[in-house]
Amino acid sequence: IGENYLGWSYDPDNTYSVPYTWGTTGIIYNTTMVEEPPTSWADLWDVEYAGNVLMFNNSRDGYAIAAKKMGLSLNPSSVEEVDDVMKEL
């Protein structure tokens, strides 16, 4: 395990956790089709992009993007929070 993934504040001695995944999610757009670049996840809900937004078929990324847009944690604390995010999608 890489040193960057060890010794976090929630488990400083690496006793109770093991990092199992890492990755990034971003916005990619075609500069010949988009005049004003998106600057936030909320931009993906702009009607200007209706019918032109593509996403990977990954429910976790989709959920994370909507939660981030709504200012929520990527790790929900209630069923109601999950329901709210799913309605946004």
N, C-alpha and C. Protein backbone atom coordinates (compact mmCIF):
# COMPACT_ATOMS: atom_id res chain seq x y z
N ILE A 1 0.86 -1.18 0.00
CA ILE A 1 0.00 0.00 0.00
C ILE A 1 0.90 1.23 0.00
N GLY A 2 0.60 2.17 -0.87
CA GLY A 2 1.39 3.40 -0.96
C GLY A 2 1.34 4.21 0.32
N GLU A 3 2.44 4.84 0.65
CA GLU A 3 2.54 5.64 1.87
C GLU A 3 1.49 6.75 1.95
N ASN A 4 1.08 7.29 0.82
CA ASN A 4 0.08 8.37 0.81
C ASN A 4 -1.27 7.92 1.33
N TYR A 5 -1.49 6.62 1.36
CA TYR A 5 -2.79 6.08 1.77
C TYR A 5 -2.79 5.55 3.19
N LEU A 6 -1.71 5.76 3.91
CA LEU A 6 -1.59 5.26 5.27
C LEU A 6 -1.55 6.40 6.28
N GLY A 7 -1.89 6.08 7.54
CA GLY A 7 -1.75 7.04 8.63
C GLY A 7 -2.77 8.17 8.64
N TRP A 8 -3.95 7.94 8.13
CA TRP A 8 -4.99 8.98 8.13
C TRP A 8 -5.49 9.22 9.55
N SER A 9 -6.06 10.39 9.79
CA SER A 9 -6.49 10.78 11.14
C SER A 9 -7.50 9.81 11.74
N TYR A 10 -8.35 9.21 10.93
CA TYR A 10 -9.37 8.29 11.45
C TYR A 10 -8.79 6.90 11.79
N ASP A 11 -7.56 6.64 11.36
CA ASP A 11 -6.90 5.36 11.66
C ASP A 11 -5.38 5.55 11.58
N PRO A 12 -4.81 6.32 12.50
CA PRO A 12 -3.39 6.69 12.40
C PRO A 12 -2.43 5.50 12.42
N ASP A 13 -2.81 4.40 13.05
CA ASP A 13 -1.92 3.23 13.12
C ASP A 13 -2.27 2.17 12.07
N ASN A 14 -3.19 2.49 11.18
CA ASN A 14 -3.60 1.57 10.11
C ASN A 14 -4.09 0.24 10.66
N THR A 15 -4.86 0.33 11.73
CA THR A 15 -5.35 -0.86 12.42
C THR A 15 -6.72 -1.30 11.90
N TYR A 16 -7.56 -0.33 11.52
CA TYR A 16 -8.96 -0.64 11.25
C TYR A 16 -9.40 -0.44 9.80
N SER A 17 -8.51 -0.03 8.95
CA SER A 17 -8.96 0.25 7.58
C SER A 17 -7.86 -0.06 6.57
N VAL A 18 -8.32 -0.34 5.35
CA VAL A 18 -7.43 -0.57 4.22
C VAL A 18 -8.05 0.15 3.02
N PRO A 19 -7.31 1.02 2.36
CA PRO A 19 -7.87 1.67 1.17
C PRO A 19 -8.12 0.62 0.09
N TYR A 20 -9.32 0.61 -0.44
CA TYR A 20 -9.64 -0.41 -1.44
C TYR A 20 -9.86 0.16 -2.83
N THR A 21 -9.99 1.46 -2.93
CA THR A 21 -10.22 2.06 -4.24
C THR A 21 -9.76 3.51 -4.23
N TRP A 22 -9.46 4.00 -5.38
CA TRP A 22 -9.08 5.40 -5.53
C TRP A 22 -9.33 5.77 -6.97
N GLY A 23 -9.75 6.98 -7.19
CA GLY A 23 -9.97 7.41 -8.56
C GLY A 23 -10.42 8.85 -8.63
N THR A 24 -10.67 9.30 -9.82
CA THR A 24 -11.13 10.66 -10.03
C THR A 24 -12.32 10.65 -10.97
N THR A 25 -13.08 11.70 -10.91
CA THR A 25 -14.19 11.91 -11.82
C THR A 25 -14.10 13.35 -12.29
N GLY A 26 -14.33 13.59 -13.54
CA GLY A 26 -14.21 14.94 -14.04
C GLY A 26 -15.22 15.21 -15.14
N ILE A 27 -15.18 16.43 -15.62
CA ILE A 27 -16.04 16.84 -16.73
C ILE A 27 -15.15 16.97 -17.97
N ILE A 28 -15.53 16.29 -19.02
CA ILE A 28 -14.83 16.39 -20.29
C ILE A 28 -15.84 16.94 -21.30
N TYR A 29 -15.41 17.90 -22.09
CA TYR A 29 -16.34 18.47 -23.07
C TYR A 29 -15.62 18.74 -24.38
N ASN A 30 -16.39 18.76 -25.45
CA ASN A 30 -15.87 19.01 -26.78
C ASN A 30 -15.83 20.52 -27.01
N THR A 31 -14.63 21.08 -27.14
CA THR A 31 -14.49 22.54 -27.28
C THR A 31 -15.07 23.07 -28.58
N THR A 32 -15.30 22.20 -29.56
CA THR A 32 -15.92 22.67 -30.80
C THR A 32 -17.44 22.75 -30.67
N MET A 33 -17.99 22.18 -29.60
CA MET A 33 -19.43 22.17 -29.42
C MET A 33 -19.91 23.00 -28.24
N VAL A 34 -19.00 23.38 -27.37
CA VAL A 34 -19.36 24.11 -26.15
C VAL A 34 -18.61 25.44 -26.13
N GLU A 35 -19.35 26.53 -26.20
CA GLU A 35 -18.71 27.85 -26.18
C GLU A 35 -18.26 28.24 -24.78
N GLU A 36 -19.14 28.06 -23.83
CA GLU A 36 -18.86 28.42 -22.43
C GLU A 36 -18.58 27.15 -21.65
N PRO A 37 -17.33 26.93 -21.25
CA PRO A 37 -17.00 25.69 -20.54
C PRO A 37 -17.76 25.54 -19.23
N PRO A 38 -18.16 24.32 -18.89
CA PRO A 38 -18.79 24.10 -17.59
C PRO A 38 -17.78 24.36 -16.48
N THR A 39 -18.25 24.91 -15.38
CA THR A 39 -17.37 25.22 -14.26
C THR A 39 -17.77 24.50 -12.98
N SER A 40 -18.90 23.80 -13.02
CA SER A 40 -19.35 23.07 -11.83
C SER A 40 -20.22 21.90 -12.26
N TRP A 41 -20.46 21.00 -11.32
CA TRP A 41 -21.35 19.87 -11.60
C TRP A 41 -22.75 20.37 -11.92
N ALA A 42 -23.17 21.46 -11.30
CA ALA A 42 -24.51 22.01 -11.53
C ALA A 42 -24.73 22.38 -12.99
N ASP A 43 -23.65 22.74 -13.69
CA ASP A 43 -23.78 23.11 -15.10
C ASP A 43 -24.35 21.97 -15.94
N LEU A 44 -24.15 20.74 -15.51
CA LEU A 44 -24.67 19.60 -16.28
C LEU A 44 -26.19 19.54 -16.29
N TRP A 45 -26.83 20.27 -15.39
CA TRP A 45 -28.29 20.33 -15.34
C TRP A 45 -28.83 21.51 -16.14
N ASP A 46 -27.95 22.31 -16.73
CA ASP A 46 -28.36 23.47 -17.53
C ASP A 46 -29.09 22.98 -18.77
N VAL A 47 -30.23 23.59 -19.08
CA VAL A 47 -31.02 23.16 -20.24
C VAL A 47 -30.23 23.30 -21.54
N GLU A 48 -29.23 24.14 -21.56
CA GLU A 48 -28.37 24.30 -22.74
C GLU A 48 -27.72 22.97 -23.14
N TYR A 49 -27.48 22.11 -22.16
CA TYR A 49 -26.83 20.83 -22.42
C TYR A 49 -27.82 19.68 -22.55
N ALA A 50 -29.11 19.95 -22.49
CA ALA A 50 -30.13 18.89 -22.54
C ALA A 50 -29.93 18.01 -23.77
N GLY A 51 -29.91 16.72 -23.55
CA GLY A 51 -29.74 15.76 -24.63
C GLY A 51 -28.31 15.60 -25.10
N ASN A 52 -27.37 16.31 -24.49
CA ASN A 52 -25.98 16.26 -24.92
C ASN A 52 -25.00 15.86 -23.83
N VAL A 53 -25.50 15.40 -22.70
CA VAL A 53 -24.63 14.98 -21.60
C VAL A 53 -24.53 13.47 -21.61
N LEU A 54 -23.32 12.97 -21.61
CA LEU A 54 -23.07 11.53 -21.55
C LEU A 54 -22.34 11.22 -20.26
N MET A 55 -22.62 10.07 -19.69
CA MET A 55 -21.94 9.65 -18.46
C MET A 55 -21.58 8.18 -18.57
N PHE A 56 -20.53 7.79 -17.85
CA PHE A 56 -20.23 6.37 -17.72
C PHE A 56 -21.40 5.69 -17.02
N ASN A 57 -21.62 4.44 -17.33
CA ASN A 57 -22.67 3.68 -16.68
C ASN A 57 -22.16 3.20 -15.33
N ASN A 58 -22.09 4.12 -14.38
CA ASN A 58 -21.55 3.83 -13.06
C ASN A 58 -22.43 4.55 -12.04
N SER A 59 -23.22 3.79 -11.33
CA SER A 59 -24.19 4.41 -10.41
C SER A 59 -23.50 5.20 -9.31
N ARG A 60 -22.35 4.77 -8.84
CA ARG A 60 -21.65 5.49 -7.77
C ARG A 60 -21.20 6.86 -8.25
N ASP A 61 -20.64 6.95 -9.46
CA ASP A 61 -20.23 8.24 -9.99
C ASP A 61 -21.43 9.15 -10.22
N GLY A 62 -22.51 8.59 -10.78
CA GLY A 62 -23.71 9.39 -11.00
C GLY A 62 -24.25 9.95 -9.70
N TYR A 63 -24.32 9.11 -8.69
CA TYR A 63 -24.78 9.56 -7.37
C TYR A 63 -23.87 10.65 -6.84
N ALA A 64 -22.56 10.44 -6.93
CA ALA A 64 -21.59 11.39 -6.39
C ALA A 64 -21.71 12.76 -7.07
N ILE A 65 -21.90 12.77 -8.38
CA ILE A 65 -22.03 14.03 -9.10
C ILE A 65 -23.26 14.79 -8.64
N ALA A 66 -24.39 14.10 -8.52
CA ALA A 66 -25.62 14.77 -8.08
C ALA A 66 -25.49 15.24 -6.63
N ALA A 67 -24.91 14.42 -5.77
CA ALA A 67 -24.74 14.82 -4.36
C ALA A 67 -23.83 16.04 -4.26
N LYS A 68 -22.75 16.05 -5.02
CA LYS A 68 -21.82 17.18 -5.01
C LYS A 68 -22.53 18.44 -5.49
N LYS A 69 -23.33 18.32 -6.54
CA LYS A 69 -24.10 19.45 -7.06
C LYS A 69 -25.01 20.03 -5.98
N MET A 70 -25.57 19.14 -5.15
CA MET A 70 -26.51 19.55 -4.12
C MET A 70 -25.81 20.00 -2.83
N GLY A 71 -24.48 19.91 -2.80
CA GLY A 71 -23.73 20.30 -1.61
C GLY A 71 -23.78 19.26 -0.51
N LEU A 72 -24.06 18.01 -0.87
CA LEU A 72 -24.16 16.93 0.12
C LEU A 72 -22.90 16.09 0.14
N SER A 73 -22.76 15.32 1.18
CA SER A 73 -21.64 14.39 1.30
C SER A 73 -21.78 13.29 0.26
N LEU A 74 -20.66 12.76 -0.18
CA LEU A 74 -20.69 11.64 -1.11
C LEU A 74 -21.04 10.35 -0.39
N ASN A 75 -21.07 10.40 0.92
CA ASN A 75 -21.42 9.25 1.75
C ASN A 75 -22.69 9.59 2.53
N PRO A 76 -23.84 9.18 2.03
CA PRO A 76 -25.12 9.59 2.63
C PRO A 76 -25.27 9.12 4.07
N SER A 77 -26.00 9.92 4.83
CA SER A 77 -26.23 9.58 6.24
C SER A 77 -27.65 9.13 6.51
N SER A 78 -28.50 9.11 5.48
CA SER A 78 -29.88 8.68 5.67
C SER A 78 -30.48 8.22 4.35
N VAL A 79 -31.53 7.43 4.45
CA VAL A 79 -32.26 6.98 3.27
C VAL A 79 -32.90 8.18 2.57
N GLU A 80 -33.36 9.14 3.36
CA GLU A 80 -33.99 10.33 2.78
C GLU A 80 -33.00 11.11 1.92
N GLU A 81 -31.76 11.19 2.37
CA GLU A 81 -30.73 11.88 1.59
C GLU A 81 -30.49 11.16 0.26
N VAL A 82 -30.43 9.85 0.30
CA VAL A 82 -30.28 9.06 -0.93
C VAL A 82 -31.46 9.31 -1.86
N ASP A 83 -32.66 9.32 -1.31
CA ASP A 83 -33.86 9.57 -2.12
C ASP A 83 -33.81 10.94 -2.78
N ASP A 84 -33.38 11.96 -2.03
CA ASP A 84 -33.28 13.31 -2.58
C ASP A 84 -32.30 13.36 -3.75
N VAL A 85 -31.16 12.71 -3.59
CA VAL A 85 -30.16 12.70 -4.66
C VAL A 85 -30.69 11.94 -5.87
N MET A 86 -31.35 10.82 -5.64
CA MET A 86 -31.89 10.05 -6.75
C MET A 86 -32.95 10.83 -7.52
N LYS A 87 -33.73 11.63 -6.82
CA LYS A 87 -34.72 12.49 -7.50
C LYS A 87 -34.02 13.50 -8.39
N GLU A 88 -32.87 13.99 -7.95
CA GLU A 88 -32.11 14.96 -8.73
C GLU A 88 -31.61 14.34 -10.03
N LEU A 89 -31.28 13.06 -9.96
CA LEU A 89 -30.82 12.37 -11.17
C LEU A 89 -31.97 12.09 -12.12
